[in-house]
Amino acid sequence: MAGLTQLLNVARDALTAQSYGLNVTGQNISNASTPGYVRRVAVLQTQNLGSQSGGGVVAAGLQRVTNDYIERREFQATGTSAAATERDQILASVEGLFDDQGGTGLGSSLNDLAASFSKLSTNPNDTTARQSVLAAASAFTERANSTGNALAQAQIDLKQQAQDTISQVNERATHRQARHANRASDHAG
């Protein structure tokens, strides 16, 4: 009778495993139109029956059904989009330094300097015109220095941001490498 009980246990385990598989299939059908849902399959594996290697079947868990090519393309597109967004934000902040219409660019102060030289060229002995040239030159120099300093600071900030990103990537790579080493030692033992 031990043989019959054993066969009934194998049948029970097989029905349980297949029921689990049907449940997973039902979830896949229910969530087919859910955004972000990834289809899953039940992982079934052979269960040894005593000393026999081909006993029953048991549900070992779930596995996501993914397409590596599509995932790589998505990661690449996401990375490219994030890089473009970041670049746009950085360039927008630097672009503000050259906004002549907003009065923060070099153009208006350069135009003022050229106008003062033009005025001085019509009457070179006029001390007021000379003072106007000196004031316009001083204003242009201050604006050029201010723009140069802002660009230098932006460069320093970008360099620091790049170093921070490198540190984060290195830290994540170290943690990932440690996890893989732990998994390998777990499987070896």
C-alpha atoms as a PDB file:
ATOM      1  CA  MET A   1       0.000   0.000   0.000  1.00  0.00           C
ATOM      2  CA  ALA A   2       2.968   2.334   0.415  1.00  0.00           C
ATOM      3  CA  GLY A   3       3.241   2.371  -3.385  1.00  0.00           C
ATOM      4  CA  LEU A   4      -0.381   3.484  -3.821  1.00  0.00           C
ATOM      5  CA  THR A   5      -0.050   6.200  -1.170  1.00  0.00           C
ATOM      6  CA  GLN A   6       3.100   7.376  -2.830  1.00  0.00           C
ATOM      7  CA  LEU A   7       1.365   7.549  -6.229  1.00  0.00           C
ATOM      8  CA  LEU A   8      -1.538   9.477  -4.718  1.00  0.00           C
ATOM      9  CA  ASN A   9       0.915  11.953  -3.166  1.00  0.00           C
ATOM     10  CA  VAL A  10       2.600  12.395  -6.558  1.00  0.00           C
ATOM     11  CA  ALA A  11      -0.795  13.025  -8.163  1.00  0.00           C
ATOM     12  CA  ARG A  12      -1.714  15.519  -5.416  1.00  0.00           C
ATOM     13  CA  ASP A  13       1.578  17.390  -5.877  1.00  0.00           C
ATOM     14  CA  ALA A  14       1.107  17.432  -9.655  1.00  0.00           C
ATOM     15  CA  LEU A  15      -2.422  18.803  -9.316  1.00  0.00           C
ATOM     16  CA  THR A  16      -1.197  21.449  -6.860  1.00  0.00           C
ATOM     17  CA  ALA A  17       1.618  22.481  -9.206  1.00  0.00           C
ATOM     18  CA  GLN A  18      -0.698  22.627 -12.228  1.00  0.00           C
ATOM     19  CA  SER A  19      -3.282  24.570 -10.218  1.00  0.00           C
ATOM     20  CA  TYR A  20      -0.556  27.065  -9.341  1.00  0.00           C
ATOM     21  CA  GLY A  21       0.295  27.326 -13.052  1.00  0.00           C
ATOM     22  CA  LEU A  22      -3.362  27.941 -13.928  1.00  0.00           C
ATOM     23  CA  ASN A  23      -3.550  30.645 -11.252  1.00  0.00           C
ATOM     24  CA  VAL A  24      -0.511  32.371 -12.786  1.00  0.00           C
ATOM     25  CA  THR A  25      -2.108  32.133 -16.235  1.00  0.00           C
ATOM     26  CA  GLY A  26      -5.292  33.680 -14.820  1.00  0.00           C
ATOM     27  CA  GLN A  27      -3.276  36.569 -13.386  1.00  0.00           C
ATOM     28  CA  ASN A  28      -1.620  37.079 -16.774  1.00  0.00           C
ATOM     29  CA  ILE A  29      -5.007  37.228 -18.481  1.00  0.00           C
ATOM     30  CA  SER A  30      -6.483  39.543 -15.831  1.00  0.00           C
ATOM     31  CA  ASN A  31      -3.566  41.949 -16.073  1.00  0.00           C
ATOM     32  CA  ALA A  32      -2.996  41.762 -19.845  1.00  0.00           C
ATOM     33  CA  SER A  33      -4.044  45.396 -20.334  1.00  0.00           C
ATOM     34  CA  THR A  34      -2.480  46.727 -17.115  1.00  0.00           C
ATOM     35  CA  PRO A  35       0.320  49.172 -17.951  1.00  0.00           C
ATOM     36  CA  GLY A  36       3.685  47.961 -16.679  1.00  0.00           C
ATOM     37  CA  TYR A  37       2.521  44.423 -15.958  1.00  0.00           C
ATOM     38  CA  VAL A  38       4.994  41.781 -17.068  1.00  0.00           C
ATOM     39  CA  ARG A  39       3.751  38.343 -18.008  1.00  0.00           C
ATOM     40  CA  ARG A  40       4.883  35.562 -15.678  1.00  0.00           C
ATOM     41  CA  VAL A  41       5.179  31.825 -16.001  1.00  0.00           C
ATOM     42  CA  ALA A  42       5.091  29.211 -13.294  1.00  0.00           C
ATOM     43  CA  VAL A  43       8.397  27.450 -12.840  1.00  0.00           C
ATOM     44  CA  LEU A  44       7.788  23.741 -12.348  1.00  0.00           C
ATOM     45  CA  GLN A  45      10.524  21.328 -11.466  1.00  0.00           C
ATOM     46  CA  THR A  46      10.894  17.645 -10.960  1.00  0.00           C
ATOM     47  CA  GLN A  47      10.528  16.346  -7.451  1.00  0.00           C
ATOM     48  CA  ASN A  48      12.417  13.179  -6.634  1.00  0.00           C
ATOM     49  CA  LEU A  49      10.316  10.283  -5.492  1.00  0.00           C
ATOM     50  CA  GLY A  50      12.381   8.489  -2.930  1.00  0.00           C
ATOM     51  CA  SER A  51      15.348   6.985  -4.732  1.00  0.00           C
ATOM     52  CA  GLN A  52      13.772   7.489  -8.157  1.00  0.00           C
ATOM     53  CA  SER A  53      14.824  10.569 -10.092  1.00  0.00           C
ATOM     54  CA  GLY A  54      11.600  11.018 -12.050  1.00  0.00           C
ATOM     55  CA  GLY A  55       8.991  11.377  -9.349  1.00  0.00           C
ATOM     56  CA  GLY A  56       6.470  14.191  -9.300  1.00  0.00           C
ATOM     57  CA  VAL A  57       6.365  17.833 -10.098  1.00  0.00           C
ATOM     58  CA  VAL A  58       6.349  20.810  -7.774  1.00  0.00           C
ATOM     59  CA  ALA A  59       5.903  24.558  -8.338  1.00  0.00           C
ATOM     60  CA  ALA A  60       9.259  26.244  -7.662  1.00  0.00           C
ATOM     61  CA  GLY A  61       8.127  29.834  -8.145  1.00  0.00           C
ATOM     62  CA  LEU A  62       7.528  32.466 -10.794  1.00  0.00           C
ATOM     63  CA  GLN A  63       9.627  33.795 -13.620  1.00  0.00           C
ATOM     64  CA  ARG A  64       9.070  37.056 -15.455  1.00  0.00           C
ATOM     65  CA  VAL A  65       8.891  36.763 -19.220  1.00  0.00           C
ATOM     66  CA  THR A  66      11.123  39.466 -20.634  1.00  0.00           C
ATOM     67  CA  ASN A  67      12.809  40.246 -23.888  1.00  0.00           C
ATOM     68  CA  ASP A  68      16.441  41.170 -23.276  1.00  0.00           C
ATOM     69  CA  TYR A  69      16.704  43.083 -26.547  1.00  0.00           C
ATOM     70  CA  ILE A  70      13.652  45.231 -25.752  1.00  0.00           C
ATOM     71  CA  GLU A  71      14.831  45.849 -22.192  1.00  0.00           C
ATOM     72  CA  ARG A  72      18.269  46.958 -23.415  1.00  0.00           C
ATOM     73  CA  ARG A  73      16.657  49.275 -25.956  1.00  0.00           C
ATOM     74  CA  GLU A  74      14.404  50.731 -23.244  1.00  0.00           C
ATOM     75  CA  PHE A  75      17.357  51.300 -20.897  1.00  0.00           C
ATOM     76  CA  GLN A  76      19.282  52.922 -23.743  1.00  0.00           C
ATOM     77  CA  ALA A  77      16.354  55.176 -24.683  1.00  0.00           C
ATOM     78  CA  THR A  78      15.766  56.131 -21.057  1.00  0.00           C
ATOM     79  CA  GLY A  79      19.461  56.931 -20.610  1.00  0.00           C
ATOM     80  CA  THR A  80      19.580  58.990 -23.795  1.00  0.00           C
ATOM     81  CA  SER A  81      16.461  60.899 -22.766  1.00  0.00           C
ATOM     82  CA  ALA A  82      17.826  61.593 -19.285  1.00  0.00           C
ATOM     83  CA  ALA A  83      21.136  62.769 -20.758  1.00  0.00           C
ATOM     84  CA  ALA A  84      19.345  65.101 -23.172  1.00  0.00           C
ATOM     85  CA  THR A  85      17.185  66.528 -20.383  1.00  0.00           C
ATOM     86  CA  GLU A  86      20.222  67.114 -18.170  1.00  0.00           C
ATOM     87  CA  ARG A  87      22.143  68.716 -21.020  1.00  0.00           C
ATOM     88  CA  ASP A  88      19.171  70.965 -21.807  1.00  0.00           C
ATOM     89  CA  GLN A  89      18.980  72.130 -18.180  1.00  0.00           C
ATOM     90  CA  ILE A  90      22.714  72.851 -18.046  1.00  0.00           C
ATOM     91  CA  LEU A  91      22.695  74.733 -21.332  1.00  0.00           C
ATOM     92  CA  ALA A  92      19.625  76.724 -20.252  1.00  0.00           C
ATOM     93  CA  SER A  93      21.446  77.895 -17.133  1.00  0.00           C
ATOM     94  CA  VAL A  94      24.499  78.928 -19.163  1.00  0.00           C
ATOM     95  CA  GLU A  95      22.344  80.484 -21.885  1.00  0.00           C
ATOM     96  CA  GLY A  96      21.028  82.950 -19.321  1.00  0.00           C
ATOM     97  CA  LEU A  97      24.509  84.444 -19.111  1.00  0.00           C
ATOM     98  CA  PHE A  98      24.256  85.511 -22.768  1.00  0.00           C
ATOM     99  CA  ASP A  99      20.645  86.756 -22.792  1.00  0.00           C
ATOM    100  CA  ASP A 100      20.941  90.165 -24.471  1.00  0.00           C
ATOM    101  CA  GLN A 101      17.180  90.699 -24.524  1.00  0.00           C
ATOM    102  CA  GLY A 102      17.014  90.123 -20.766  1.00  0.00           C
ATOM    103  CA  GLY A 103      19.928  92.503 -20.206  1.00  0.00           C
ATOM    104  CA  THR A 104      22.295  89.856 -18.847  1.00  0.00           C
ATOM    105  CA  GLY A 105      24.331  89.307 -22.013  1.00  0.00           C
ATOM    106  CA  LEU A 106      27.513  90.903 -23.238  1.00  0.00           C
ATOM    107  CA  GLY A 107      25.848  92.438 -26.303  1.00  0.00           C
ATOM    108  CA  SER A 108      24.190  95.398 -24.600  1.00  0.00           C
ATOM    109  CA  SER A 109      27.329  96.459 -22.730  1.00  0.00           C
ATOM    110  CA  LEU A 110      29.402  95.956 -25.893  1.00  0.00           C
ATOM    111  CA  ASN A 111      26.917  98.086 -27.848  1.00  0.00           C
ATOM    112  CA  ASP A 112      27.144 100.782 -25.168  1.00  0.00           C
ATOM    113  CA  LEU A 113      30.944 100.722 -25.453  1.00  0.00           C
ATOM    114  CA  ALA A 114      30.807 100.982 -29.258  1.00  0.00           C
ATOM    115  CA  ALA A 115      28.312 103.861 -29.026  1.00  0.00           C
ATOM    116  CA  SER A 116      30.544 105.714 -26.568  1.00  0.00           C
ATOM    117  CA  PHE A 117      33.547 105.282 -28.896  1.00  0.00           C
ATOM    118  CA  SER A 118      31.433 106.543 -31.777  1.00  0.00           C
ATOM    119  CA  LYS A 119      30.466 109.619 -29.765  1.00  0.00           C
ATOM    120  CA  LEU A 120      34.106 110.162 -28.800  1.00  0.00           C
ATOM    121  CA  SER A 121      35.230 109.881 -32.442  1.00  0.00           C
ATOM    122  CA  THR A 122      33.026 112.833 -33.402  1.00  0.00           C
ATOM    123  CA  ASN A 123      34.549 115.027 -30.683  1.00  0.00           C
ATOM    124  CA  PRO A 124      37.847 113.561 -29.383  1.00  0.00           C
ATOM    125  CA  ASN A 125      38.576 116.487 -27.042  1.00  0.00           C
ATOM    126  CA  ASP A 126      35.260 116.198 -25.145  1.00  0.00           C
ATOM    127  CA  THR A 127      36.073 115.081 -21.585  1.00  0.00           C
ATOM    128  CA  THR A 128      32.500 113.958 -21.002  1.00  0.00           C
ATOM    129  CA  ALA A 129      32.724 111.653 -24.034  1.00  0.00           C
ATOM    130  CA  ARG A 130      36.033 110.300 -22.704  1.00  0.00           C
ATOM    131  CA  GLN A 131      34.472 109.648 -19.306  1.00  0.00           C
ATOM    132  CA  SER A 132      31.567 107.944 -21.063  1.00  0.00           C
ATOM    133  CA  VAL A 133      34.022 105.645 -22.909  1.00  0.00           C
ATOM    134  CA  LEU A 134      35.799 104.798 -19.655  1.00  0.00           C
ATOM    135  CA  ALA A 135      32.487 104.083 -17.887  1.00  0.00           C
ATOM    136  CA  ALA A 136      31.249 101.919 -20.778  1.00  0.00           C
ATOM    137  CA  ALA A 137      34.593 100.071 -20.906  1.00  0.00           C
ATOM    138  CA  SER A 138      34.425  99.515 -17.168  1.00  0.00           C
ATOM    139  CA  ALA A 139      30.839  98.228 -17.417  1.00  0.00           C
ATOM    140  CA  PHE A 140      31.790  95.896 -20.278  1.00  0.00           C
ATOM    141  CA  THR A 141      34.802  94.619 -18.332  1.00  0.00           C
ATOM    142  CA  GLU A 142      32.684  93.960 -15.260  1.00  0.00           C
ATOM    143  CA  ARG A 143      30.054  92.145 -17.355  1.00  0.00           C
ATOM    144  CA  ALA A 144      32.740  90.070 -19.139  1.00  0.00           C
ATOM    145  CA  ASN A 145      34.388  89.188 -15.813  1.00  0.00           C
ATOM    146  CA  SER A 146      31.043  88.317 -14.268  1.00  0.00           C
ATOM    147  CA  THR A 147      30.168  86.075 -17.239  1.00  0.00           C
ATOM    148  CA  GLY A 148      33.598  84.443 -17.143  1.00  0.00           C
ATOM    149  CA  ASN A 149      33.313  83.793 -13.402  1.00  0.00           C
ATOM    150  CA  ALA A 150      29.836  82.316 -13.828  1.00  0.00           C
ATOM    151  CA  LEU A 151      31.106  80.028 -16.607  1.00  0.00           C
ATOM    152  CA  ALA A 152      34.052  78.952 -14.455  1.00  0.00           C
ATOM    153  CA  GLN A 153      31.689  78.196 -11.555  1.00  0.00           C
ATOM    154  CA  ALA A 154      29.414  76.221 -13.879  1.00  0.00           C
ATOM    155  CA  GLN A 155      32.436  74.205 -15.002  1.00  0.00           C
ATOM    156  CA  ILE A 156      33.422  73.526 -11.379  1.00  0.00           C
ATOM    157  CA  ASP A 157      29.845  72.484 -10.549  1.00  0.00           C
ATOM    158  CA  LEU A 158      29.680  70.138 -13.549  1.00  0.00           C
ATOM    159  CA  LYS A 159      33.020  68.587 -12.653  1.00  0.00           C
ATOM    160  CA  GLN A 160      31.828  68.000  -9.069  1.00  0.00           C
ATOM    161  CA  GLN A 161      28.574  66.508 -10.348  1.00  0.00           C
ATOM    162  CA  ALA A 162      30.537  64.167 -12.636  1.00  0.00           C
ATOM    163  CA  GLN A 163      32.765  63.083  -9.739  1.00  0.00           C
ATOM    164  CA  ASP A 164      29.695  62.426  -7.567  1.00  0.00           C
ATOM    165  CA  THR A 165      28.142  60.345 -10.345  1.00  0.00           C
ATOM    166  CA  ILE A 166      31.352  58.344 -10.756  1.00  0.00           C
ATOM    167  CA  SER A 167      31.417  57.677  -7.010  1.00  0.00           C
ATOM    168  CA  GLN A 168      27.800  56.476  -7.083  1.00  0.00           C
ATOM    169  CA  VAL A 169      28.465  54.191 -10.050  1.00  0.00           C
ATOM    170  CA  ASN A 170      31.564  52.747  -8.382  1.00  0.00           C
ATOM    171  CA  GLU A 171      29.671  52.201  -5.131  1.00  0.00           C
ATOM    172  CA  ARG A 172      26.818  50.412  -6.900  1.00  0.00           C
ATOM    173  CA  ALA A 173      29.259  48.305  -8.895  1.00  0.00           C
ATOM    174  CA  THR A 174      31.067  47.306  -5.685  1.00  0.00           C
ATOM    175  CA  HIS A 175      27.782  46.317  -4.011  1.00  0.00           C
ATOM    176  CA  ARG A 176      26.663  44.393  -7.072  1.00  0.00           C
ATOM    177  CA  GLN A 177      29.992  42.594  -7.291  1.00  0.00           C
ATOM    178  CA  ALA A 178      29.725  41.679  -3.590  1.00  0.00           C
ATOM    179  CA  ARG A 179      26.171  40.325  -4.103  1.00  0.00           C
ATOM    180  CA  HIS A 180      27.314  38.191  -7.033  1.00  0.00           C
ATOM    181  CA  ALA A 181      30.234  36.874  -4.984  1.00  0.00           C
ATOM    182  CA  ASN A 182      27.851  35.992  -2.129  1.00  0.00           C
ATOM    183  CA  ARG A 183      25.470  34.214  -4.515  1.00  0.00           C
ATOM    184  CA  ALA A 184      28.337  32.280  -6.040  1.00  0.00           C
ATOM    185  CA  SER A 185      29.538  31.172  -2.619  1.00  0.00           C
ATOM    186  CA  ASP A 186      25.966  30.205  -1.645  1.00  0.00           C
ATOM    187  CA  HIS A 187      25.606  28.050  -4.764  1.00  0.00           C
ATOM    188  CA  ALA A 188      29.016  26.476  -4.263  1.00  0.00           C
ATOM    189  CA  GLY A 189      28.225  25.482  -0.684  1.00  0.00           C
END
